[in-house]
Amino acid sequence: MINIDNFPAELRWKIAAQSASSLLLTHEKVYKDILGPDYKKIQPLMDTINYISWIQDGKNASILSKYLGLPFKTAEEIEKTNELVSEILYGPEIKYKKIYAVGHHAKSQITSCPFLNRSKEIGFESKSLFENCSAYHETFVSNLNPKYSKKFTKAMCKGDEYCEAVTELKESK
């Protein structure tokens, strides 16, 4: 009898991560495919639903981070926790690169994004991917440690070579 143990853990993780990274994109594409030009009538509603879904995912990721006991007191710790939780949730396909961490500031890059990859695979260009992803990360950071904020300065989904973000203490602006 075949059961879950017949499949290597790494394969199960890869499948689960790819499924998770496609969920927020797939339903929008399905509605567009089914409704065609009529999708424009419900697009503002769908954009709002998608945005709220990404924000909720950011909250859930911060809850998971705390549950796992991951550190979040400094900008560097927040960035490392973001990297670890992102890989847990979205698999090894997401790739982070630390640029610097000095005091209350940290800069990182994302050089591979499962959401952008899924979007390309399903042939779907989401015009709101950047706004949604930014909302996810901003919510994640503000729920993890309200003293900090995170802002993107570059984004692959907007044509940049990589995504780049700065996490910093809010009072230091």
N, C-alpha and C. Protein backbone atom coordinates (compact mmCIF):
# COMPACT_ATOMS: atom_id res chain seq x y z
N MET A 1 0.85 -1.19 0.00
CA MET A 1 0.00 0.00 0.00
C MET A 1 0.89 1.24 0.00
N ILE A 2 0.60 2.16 -0.88
CA ILE A 2 1.36 3.40 -0.97
C ILE A 2 0.83 4.39 0.08
N ASN A 3 1.77 5.04 0.78
CA ASN A 3 1.39 6.09 1.72
C ASN A 3 2.38 7.24 1.62
N ILE A 4 2.20 8.24 2.42
CA ILE A 4 3.01 9.45 2.34
C ILE A 4 4.51 9.17 2.51
N ASP A 5 4.84 8.16 3.28
CA ASP A 5 6.24 7.82 3.53
C ASP A 5 6.94 7.27 2.28
N ASN A 6 6.18 6.92 1.24
CA ASN A 6 6.79 6.45 0.00
C ASN A 6 7.44 7.59 -0.79
N PHE A 7 7.15 8.82 -0.39
CA PHE A 7 7.68 9.98 -1.09
C PHE A 7 8.68 10.69 -0.19
N PRO A 8 9.86 10.99 -0.71
CA PRO A 8 10.89 11.65 0.12
C PRO A 8 10.38 12.98 0.70
N ALA A 9 10.81 13.27 1.92
CA ALA A 9 10.38 14.49 2.60
C ALA A 9 10.69 15.73 1.78
N GLU A 10 11.84 15.76 1.13
CA GLU A 10 12.21 16.93 0.33
C GLU A 10 11.25 17.13 -0.84
N LEU A 11 10.80 16.06 -1.46
CA LEU A 11 9.83 16.16 -2.55
C LEU A 11 8.49 16.66 -2.03
N ARG A 12 8.06 16.15 -0.87
CA ARG A 12 6.79 16.60 -0.28
C ARG A 12 6.86 18.09 0.04
N TRP A 13 7.99 18.53 0.59
CA TRP A 13 8.18 19.94 0.93
C TRP A 13 8.14 20.80 -0.34
N LYS A 14 8.83 20.35 -1.39
CA LYS A 14 8.85 21.10 -2.64
C LYS A 14 7.44 21.25 -3.21
N ILE A 15 6.68 20.17 -3.22
CA ILE A 15 5.32 20.21 -3.75
C ILE A 15 4.44 21.13 -2.90
N ALA A 16 4.54 21.01 -1.59
CA ALA A 16 3.73 21.85 -0.69
C ALA A 16 4.10 23.32 -0.86
N ALA A 17 5.38 23.62 -0.96
CA ALA A 17 5.82 25.01 -1.10
C ALA A 17 5.37 25.59 -2.44
N GLN A 18 5.45 24.82 -3.50
CA GLN A 18 4.99 25.32 -4.80
C GLN A 18 3.49 25.54 -4.80
N SER A 19 2.78 24.66 -4.13
CA SER A 19 1.33 24.83 -4.01
C SER A 19 1.00 26.09 -3.22
N ALA A 20 1.71 26.31 -2.12
CA ALA A 20 1.45 27.50 -1.29
C ALA A 20 1.75 28.78 -2.06
N SER A 21 2.82 28.78 -2.84
CA SER A 21 3.18 30.00 -3.56
C SER A 21 2.29 30.25 -4.77
N SER A 22 1.50 29.27 -5.17
CA SER A 22 0.61 29.49 -6.31
C SER A 22 -0.81 29.86 -5.89
N LEU A 23 -1.17 29.57 -4.64
CA LEU A 23 -2.55 29.78 -4.20
C LEU A 23 -3.05 31.21 -4.39
N LEU A 24 -2.25 32.18 -4.00
CA LEU A 24 -2.69 33.56 -4.06
C LEU A 24 -2.74 34.10 -5.49
N LEU A 25 -2.15 33.37 -6.43
CA LEU A 25 -2.16 33.80 -7.82
C LEU A 25 -3.20 33.05 -8.65
N THR A 26 -3.35 31.78 -8.38
CA THR A 26 -4.16 30.91 -9.22
C THR A 26 -5.63 31.31 -9.25
N HIS A 27 -6.20 31.62 -8.09
CA HIS A 27 -7.63 31.93 -8.11
C HIS A 27 -7.93 33.19 -8.92
N GLU A 28 -7.04 34.17 -8.89
CA GLU A 28 -7.23 35.38 -9.70
C GLU A 28 -7.19 35.04 -11.19
N LYS A 29 -6.23 34.20 -11.57
CA LYS A 29 -6.13 33.80 -12.98
C LYS A 29 -7.37 33.02 -13.41
N VAL A 30 -7.87 32.14 -12.57
CA VAL A 30 -9.06 31.35 -12.91
C VAL A 30 -10.25 32.28 -13.16
N TYR A 31 -10.45 33.25 -12.27
CA TYR A 31 -11.55 34.19 -12.47
C TYR A 31 -11.39 34.97 -13.77
N LYS A 32 -10.17 35.39 -14.07
CA LYS A 32 -9.94 36.13 -15.32
C LYS A 32 -10.21 35.25 -16.53
N ASP A 33 -9.78 33.98 -16.46
CA ASP A 33 -10.01 33.06 -17.58
C ASP A 33 -11.49 32.79 -17.79
N ILE A 34 -12.23 32.60 -16.70
CA ILE A 34 -13.66 32.28 -16.79
C ILE A 34 -14.47 33.49 -17.24
N LEU A 35 -14.20 34.63 -16.65
CA LEU A 35 -15.02 35.81 -16.92
C LEU A 35 -14.57 36.62 -18.13
N GLY A 36 -13.33 36.42 -18.55
CA GLY A 36 -12.83 37.18 -19.69
C GLY A 36 -12.92 38.67 -19.43
N PRO A 37 -13.42 39.44 -20.41
CA PRO A 37 -13.50 40.90 -20.25
C PRO A 37 -14.40 41.34 -19.09
N ASP A 38 -15.36 40.50 -18.70
CA ASP A 38 -16.25 40.85 -17.59
C ASP A 38 -15.51 40.89 -16.25
N TYR A 39 -14.30 40.35 -16.22
CA TYR A 39 -13.52 40.38 -14.97
C TYR A 39 -13.32 41.81 -14.48
N LYS A 40 -13.24 42.74 -15.42
CA LYS A 40 -13.03 44.15 -15.05
C LYS A 40 -14.08 44.63 -14.05
N LYS A 41 -15.29 44.07 -14.11
CA LYS A 41 -16.37 44.48 -13.22
C LYS A 41 -16.08 44.14 -11.76
N ILE A 42 -15.37 43.03 -11.54
CA ILE A 42 -15.09 42.61 -10.16
C ILE A 42 -13.63 42.80 -9.77
N GLN A 43 -12.83 43.34 -10.67
CA GLN A 43 -11.39 43.48 -10.40
C GLN A 43 -11.09 44.27 -9.13
N PRO A 44 -11.75 45.41 -8.87
CA PRO A 44 -11.45 46.12 -7.61
C PRO A 44 -11.71 45.25 -6.38
N LEU A 45 -12.79 44.48 -6.41
CA LEU A 45 -13.09 43.58 -5.30
C LEU A 45 -12.01 42.51 -5.18
N MET A 46 -11.63 41.91 -6.28
CA MET A 46 -10.60 40.86 -6.26
C MET A 46 -9.26 41.41 -5.80
N ASP A 47 -8.91 42.61 -6.25
CA ASP A 47 -7.65 43.23 -5.82
C ASP A 47 -7.64 43.44 -4.31
N THR A 48 -8.77 43.86 -3.76
CA THR A 48 -8.89 44.06 -2.32
C THR A 48 -8.78 42.74 -1.57
N ILE A 49 -9.46 41.71 -2.06
CA ILE A 49 -9.39 40.39 -1.44
C ILE A 49 -7.97 39.86 -1.46
N ASN A 50 -7.29 39.98 -2.59
CA ASN A 50 -5.90 39.52 -2.69
C ASN A 50 -5.00 40.27 -1.72
N TYR A 51 -5.15 41.58 -1.66
CA TYR A 51 -4.32 42.40 -0.79
C TYR A 51 -4.51 42.00 0.67
N ILE A 52 -5.75 41.83 1.09
CA ILE A 52 -6.05 41.42 2.46
C ILE A 52 -5.50 40.02 2.74
N SER A 53 -5.56 39.14 1.76
CA SER A 53 -5.02 37.78 1.92
C SER A 53 -3.51 37.82 2.17
N TRP A 54 -2.80 38.64 1.42
CA TRP A 54 -1.35 38.76 1.60
C TRP A 54 -1.02 39.36 2.97
N ILE A 55 -1.80 40.34 3.41
CA ILE A 55 -1.59 40.92 4.74
C ILE A 55 -1.79 39.85 5.81
N GLN A 56 -2.83 39.05 5.67
CA GLN A 56 -3.09 37.98 6.65
C GLN A 56 -1.95 36.97 6.64
N ASP A 57 -1.41 36.66 5.47
CA ASP A 57 -0.26 35.75 5.41
C ASP A 57 0.94 36.33 6.14
N GLY A 58 1.14 37.65 6.05
CA GLY A 58 2.23 38.30 6.79
C GLY A 58 2.03 38.16 8.29
N LYS A 59 0.80 38.33 8.75
CA LYS A 59 0.49 38.15 10.18
C LYS A 59 0.75 36.71 10.59
N ASN A 60 0.29 35.77 9.77
CA ASN A 60 0.48 34.35 10.09
C ASN A 60 1.96 33.99 10.15
N ALA A 61 2.76 34.55 9.25
CA ALA A 61 4.21 34.27 9.25
C ALA A 61 4.87 34.82 10.51
N SER A 62 4.41 35.98 10.99
CA SER A 62 5.00 36.51 12.22
C SER A 62 4.60 35.66 13.43
N ILE A 63 3.38 35.15 13.43
CA ILE A 63 2.94 34.25 14.50
C ILE A 63 3.77 32.97 14.49
N LEU A 64 3.99 32.42 13.30
CA LEU A 64 4.82 31.22 13.17
C LEU A 64 6.24 31.48 13.68
N SER A 65 6.79 32.63 13.34
CA SER A 65 8.14 32.99 13.79
C SER A 65 8.25 33.00 15.31
N LYS A 66 7.26 33.59 15.95
CA LYS A 66 7.26 33.64 17.41
C LYS A 66 7.07 32.24 17.99
N TYR A 67 6.18 31.46 17.39
CA TYR A 67 5.94 30.09 17.85
C TYR A 67 7.22 29.26 17.79
N LEU A 68 8.01 29.47 16.73
CA LEU A 68 9.27 28.73 16.57
C LEU A 68 10.40 29.29 17.43
N GLY A 69 10.14 30.41 18.10
CA GLY A 69 11.15 31.01 18.96
C GLY A 69 12.28 31.69 18.20
N LEU A 70 11.99 32.15 17.00
CA LEU A 70 13.02 32.81 16.19
C LEU A 70 13.25 34.23 16.71
N PRO A 71 14.48 34.74 16.59
CA PRO A 71 14.81 36.06 17.13
C PRO A 71 14.25 37.19 16.27
N PHE A 72 13.92 38.33 16.93
CA PHE A 72 13.35 39.46 16.18
C PHE A 72 13.58 40.80 16.87
N LYS A 73 14.66 40.93 17.63
CA LYS A 73 14.90 42.17 18.36
C LYS A 73 15.67 43.21 17.55
N THR A 74 16.49 42.80 16.60
CA THR A 74 17.28 43.73 15.79
C THR A 74 16.89 43.58 14.32
N ALA A 75 17.31 44.55 13.53
CA ALA A 75 17.03 44.49 12.09
C ALA A 75 17.65 43.23 11.48
N GLU A 76 18.86 42.90 11.89
CA GLU A 76 19.52 41.70 11.36
C GLU A 76 18.75 40.43 11.74
N GLU A 77 18.28 40.35 12.99
CA GLU A 77 17.51 39.19 13.42
C GLU A 77 16.18 39.10 12.65
N ILE A 78 15.54 40.22 12.44
CA ILE A 78 14.28 40.24 11.71
C ILE A 78 14.50 39.73 10.28
N GLU A 79 15.56 40.18 9.64
CA GLU A 79 15.85 39.73 8.28
C GLU A 79 16.14 38.23 8.23
N LYS A 80 16.92 37.74 9.17
CA LYS A 80 17.24 36.31 9.20
C LYS A 80 15.97 35.50 9.48
N THR A 81 15.13 35.97 10.39
CA THR A 81 13.88 35.28 10.69
C THR A 81 12.97 35.29 9.46
N ASN A 82 12.91 36.41 8.76
CA ASN A 82 12.11 36.50 7.53
C ASN A 82 12.60 35.48 6.51
N GLU A 83 13.90 35.38 6.37
CA GLU A 83 14.50 34.43 5.43
C GLU A 83 14.13 32.98 5.81
N LEU A 84 14.29 32.64 7.09
CA LEU A 84 14.00 31.27 7.53
C LEU A 84 12.52 30.91 7.37
N VAL A 85 11.64 31.81 7.80
CA VAL A 85 10.20 31.53 7.72
C VAL A 85 9.75 31.47 6.25
N SER A 86 10.30 32.34 5.43
CA SER A 86 9.95 32.30 4.00
C SER A 86 10.35 30.96 3.38
N GLU A 87 11.52 30.46 3.76
CA GLU A 87 11.95 29.17 3.22
C GLU A 87 11.08 28.04 3.76
N ILE A 88 10.69 28.12 5.03
CA ILE A 88 9.79 27.10 5.59
C ILE A 88 8.46 27.10 4.84
N LEU A 89 7.90 28.28 4.62
CA LEU A 89 6.59 28.39 3.99
C LEU A 89 6.61 28.18 2.48
N TYR A 90 7.64 28.69 1.81
CA TYR A 90 7.65 28.70 0.35
C TYR A 90 8.77 27.89 -0.27
N GLY A 91 9.52 27.17 0.56
CA GLY A 91 10.52 26.23 0.07
C GLY A 91 11.85 26.86 -0.28
N PRO A 92 12.78 26.01 -0.69
CA PRO A 92 14.14 26.46 -0.97
C PRO A 92 14.25 27.29 -2.26
N GLU A 93 13.15 27.43 -2.96
CA GLU A 93 13.15 28.22 -4.19
C GLU A 93 13.35 29.71 -3.91
N ILE A 94 12.95 30.16 -2.72
CA ILE A 94 13.17 31.56 -2.37
C ILE A 94 14.60 31.71 -1.87
N LYS A 95 15.30 32.66 -2.45
CA LYS A 95 16.72 32.85 -2.12
C LYS A 95 16.96 34.29 -1.65
N TYR A 96 17.51 34.40 -0.46
CA TYR A 96 17.85 35.69 0.14
C TYR A 96 19.36 35.88 0.12
N LYS A 97 19.76 37.14 0.11
CA LYS A 97 21.18 37.49 0.21
C LYS A 97 21.28 38.70 1.14
N LYS A 98 22.05 38.55 2.20
CA LYS A 98 22.27 39.67 3.13
C LYS A 98 23.26 40.64 2.48
N ILE A 99 22.88 41.90 2.43
CA ILE A 99 23.77 42.92 1.89
C ILE A 99 24.56 43.56 3.03
N TYR A 100 23.83 44.00 4.06
CA TYR A 100 24.50 44.50 5.25
C TYR A 100 23.53 44.51 6.42
N ALA A 101 24.08 44.55 7.60
CA ALA A 101 23.32 44.73 8.83
C ALA A 101 24.20 45.55 9.75
N VAL A 102 23.80 46.80 9.98
CA VAL A 102 24.56 47.71 10.82
C VAL A 102 23.58 48.40 11.76
N GLY A 103 23.79 48.20 13.04
CA GLY A 103 22.92 48.84 14.02
C GLY A 103 21.46 48.47 13.82
N HIS A 104 20.65 49.50 13.60
CA HIS A 104 19.21 49.29 13.45
C HIS A 104 18.77 49.21 11.99
N HIS A 105 19.73 48.99 11.09
CA HIS A 105 19.43 48.91 9.66
C HIS A 105 19.94 47.59 9.09
N ALA A 106 19.16 47.02 8.20
CA ALA A 106 19.61 45.84 7.47
C ALA A 106 19.07 45.93 6.06
N LYS A 107 19.87 45.51 5.11
CA LYS A 107 19.45 45.48 3.71
C LYS A 107 19.66 44.06 3.20
N SER A 108 18.66 43.57 2.49
CA SER A 108 18.75 42.23 1.92
C SER A 108 18.21 42.24 0.51
N GLN A 109 18.53 41.17 -0.20
CA GLN A 109 18.01 40.98 -1.55
C GLN A 109 17.33 39.62 -1.63
N ILE A 110 16.31 39.55 -2.46
CA ILE A 110 15.71 38.27 -2.84
C ILE A 110 16.12 38.07 -4.29
N THR A 111 16.83 36.99 -4.55
CA THR A 111 17.34 36.75 -5.90
C THR A 111 16.54 35.68 -6.65
N SER A 112 15.66 34.99 -5.94
CA SER A 112 14.77 34.01 -6.56
C SER A 112 13.46 34.04 -5.80
N CYS A 113 12.34 34.20 -6.53
CA CYS A 113 11.04 34.37 -5.90
C CYS A 113 10.04 33.33 -6.41
N PRO A 114 9.51 32.49 -5.53
CA PRO A 114 8.55 31.48 -5.98
C PRO A 114 7.25 32.08 -6.52
N PHE A 115 6.84 33.24 -6.01
CA PHE A 115 5.61 33.87 -6.51
C PHE A 115 5.79 34.35 -7.94
N LEU A 116 6.93 34.95 -8.22
CA LEU A 116 7.21 35.38 -9.59
C LEU A 116 7.35 34.16 -10.50
N ASN A 117 8.00 33.11 -10.00
CA ASN A 117 8.15 31.89 -10.80
C ASN A 117 6.80 31.25 -11.10
N ARG A 118 5.91 31.16 -10.09
CA ARG A 118 4.57 30.58 -10.33
C ARG A 118 3.79 31.43 -11.32
N SER A 119 3.92 32.74 -11.17
CA SER A 119 3.22 33.65 -12.07
C SER A 119 3.63 33.40 -13.53
N LYS A 120 4.92 33.24 -13.74
CA LYS A 120 5.42 32.95 -15.09
C LYS A 120 4.96 31.57 -15.56
N GLU A 121 4.99 30.58 -14.68
CA GLU A 121 4.59 29.21 -15.05
C GLU A 121 3.14 29.12 -15.48
N ILE A 122 2.26 29.85 -14.79
CA ILE A 122 0.84 29.78 -15.14
C ILE A 122 0.47 30.81 -16.20
N GLY A 123 1.47 31.54 -16.68
CA GLY A 123 1.23 32.51 -17.73
C GLY A 123 0.35 33.66 -17.28
N PHE A 124 0.62 34.14 -16.09
CA PHE A 124 -0.23 35.15 -15.50
C PHE A 124 0.60 36.32 -15.02
N GLU A 125 0.27 37.49 -15.50
CA GLU A 125 0.97 38.69 -15.05
C GLU A 125 0.07 39.43 -14.07
N SER A 126 0.44 39.37 -12.81
CA SER A 126 -0.33 40.06 -11.78
C SER A 126 0.19 41.48 -11.65
N LYS A 127 -0.65 42.43 -11.93
CA LYS A 127 -0.25 43.83 -11.85
C LYS A 127 -0.07 44.28 -10.39
N SER A 128 -0.64 43.52 -9.45
CA SER A 128 -0.57 43.92 -8.05
C SER A 128 0.40 43.07 -7.23
N LEU A 129 1.21 42.24 -7.89
CA LEU A 129 2.12 41.37 -7.15
C LEU A 129 3.06 42.16 -6.25
N PHE A 130 3.63 43.25 -6.75
CA PHE A 130 4.55 44.03 -5.93
C PHE A 130 3.85 44.63 -4.70
N GLU A 131 2.68 45.23 -4.90
CA GLU A 131 1.96 45.83 -3.79
C GLU A 131 1.58 44.78 -2.75
N ASN A 132 1.14 43.63 -3.22
CA ASN A 132 0.74 42.56 -2.31
C ASN A 132 1.94 42.01 -1.54
N CYS A 133 3.02 41.75 -2.23
CA CYS A 133 4.23 41.22 -1.59
C CYS A 133 4.78 42.24 -0.58
N SER A 134 4.79 43.51 -0.95
CA SER A 134 5.24 44.56 -0.02
C SER A 134 4.37 44.58 1.23
N ALA A 135 3.06 44.46 1.04
CA ALA A 135 2.15 44.45 2.18
C ALA A 135 2.42 43.25 3.09
N TYR A 136 2.69 42.10 2.48
CA TYR A 136 3.03 40.90 3.25
C TYR A 136 4.25 41.17 4.14
N HIS A 137 5.33 41.66 3.53
CA HIS A 137 6.57 41.88 4.27
C HIS A 137 6.44 42.98 5.32
N GLU A 138 5.76 44.07 4.97
CA GLU A 138 5.56 45.14 5.94
C GLU A 138 4.74 44.66 7.13
N THR A 139 3.71 43.86 6.86
CA THR A 139 2.88 43.31 7.94
C THR A 139 3.67 42.33 8.78
N PHE A 140 4.44 41.48 8.12
CA PHE A 140 5.28 40.51 8.83
C PHE A 140 6.18 41.23 9.83
N VAL A 141 6.90 42.23 9.35
CA VAL A 141 7.86 42.94 10.21
C VAL A 141 7.14 43.71 11.31
N SER A 142 6.09 44.43 10.99
CA SER A 142 5.42 45.25 12.01
C SER A 142 4.72 44.38 13.07
N ASN A 143 4.29 43.19 12.69
CA ASN A 143 3.70 42.28 13.68
C ASN A 143 4.76 41.55 14.49
N LEU A 144 5.90 41.31 13.88
CA LEU A 144 6.99 40.63 14.57
C LEU A 144 7.63 41.57 15.59
N ASN A 145 7.93 42.80 15.16
CA ASN A 145 8.51 43.80 16.05
C ASN A 145 8.02 45.17 15.60
N PRO A 146 7.02 45.72 16.28
CA PRO A 146 6.41 46.99 15.87
C PRO A 146 7.36 48.18 15.84
N LYS A 147 8.55 48.04 16.40
CA LYS A 147 9.52 49.14 16.37
C LYS A 147 10.19 49.26 15.01
N TYR A 148 10.04 48.24 14.15
CA TYR A 148 10.73 48.20 12.86
C TYR A 148 9.76 48.26 11.69
N SER A 149 10.30 48.69 10.56
CA SER A 149 9.54 48.70 9.31
C SER A 149 10.40 48.10 8.20
N LYS A 150 9.74 47.71 7.12
CA LYS A 150 10.46 47.16 5.98
C LYS A 150 9.89 47.77 4.71
N LYS A 151 10.78 48.24 3.85
CA LYS A 151 10.38 48.84 2.58
C LYS A 151 11.25 48.30 1.45
N PHE A 152 10.61 48.01 0.33
CA PHE A 152 11.33 47.55 -0.85
C PHE A 152 11.81 48.73 -1.67
N THR A 153 13.04 48.62 -2.18
CA THR A 153 13.59 49.65 -3.05
C THR A 153 13.75 49.14 -4.48
N LYS A 154 13.71 47.81 -4.66
CA LYS A 154 13.77 47.18 -5.98
C LYS A 154 12.88 45.95 -5.97
N ALA A 155 12.40 45.56 -7.16
CA ALA A 155 11.52 44.39 -7.24
C ALA A 155 11.65 43.71 -8.60
N MET A 156 11.83 42.40 -8.56
CA MET A 156 11.93 41.63 -9.80
C MET A 156 10.64 41.71 -10.61
N CYS A 157 9.50 41.74 -9.93
CA CYS A 157 8.23 41.79 -10.65
C CYS A 157 7.99 43.15 -11.31
N LYS A 158 8.87 44.11 -11.03
CA LYS A 158 8.81 45.41 -11.69
C LYS A 158 9.97 45.57 -12.68
N GLY A 159 10.67 44.46 -12.93
CA GLY A 159 11.73 44.47 -13.93
C GLY A 159 13.15 44.55 -13.40
N ASP A 160 13.31 44.68 -12.09
CA ASP A 160 14.67 44.72 -11.53
C ASP A 160 15.29 43.34 -11.53
N GLU A 161 16.60 43.30 -11.43
CA GLU A 161 17.35 42.04 -11.43
C GLU A 161 17.09 41.22 -10.16
N TYR A 162 16.76 41.90 -9.08
CA TYR A 162 16.49 41.27 -7.78
C TYR A 162 15.58 42.19 -6.99
N CYS A 163 15.01 41.66 -5.92
CA CYS A 163 14.25 42.48 -4.98
C CYS A 163 15.23 42.96 -3.92
N GLU A 164 15.07 44.16 -3.47
CA GLU A 164 15.94 44.69 -2.42
C GLU A 164 15.06 45.40 -1.40
N ALA A 165 15.33 45.15 -0.14
CA ALA A 165 14.51 45.75 0.93
C ALA A 165 15.39 46.20 2.08
N VAL A 166 14.91 47.23 2.76
CA VAL A 166 15.59 47.76 3.94
C VAL A 166 14.66 47.58 5.13
N THR A 167 15.21 46.99 6.19
CA THR A 167 14.51 46.89 7.46
C THR A 167 15.22 47.83 8.42
N GLU A 168 14.42 48.69 9.08
CA GLU A 168 15.06 49.67 9.96
C GLU A 168 14.14 50.05 11.10
N LEU A 169 14.76 50.56 12.14
CA LEU A 169 14.05 51.06 13.29
C LEU A 169 13.24 52.27 12.86
N LYS A 170 11.97 52.32 13.21
CA LYS A 170 11.08 53.39 12.74
C LYS A 170 11.56 54.77 13.19
N GLU A 171 12.08 54.91 14.38
CA GLU A 171 12.52 56.21 14.90
C GLU A 171 13.77 56.72 14.20
N SER A 172 14.48 55.86 13.49
CA SER A 172 15.75 56.26 12.88
C SER A 172 15.60 56.90 11.51
N LYS A 173 14.37 57.10 11.06
CA LYS A 173 14.16 57.65 9.72
C LYS A 173 14.48 59.11 9.64
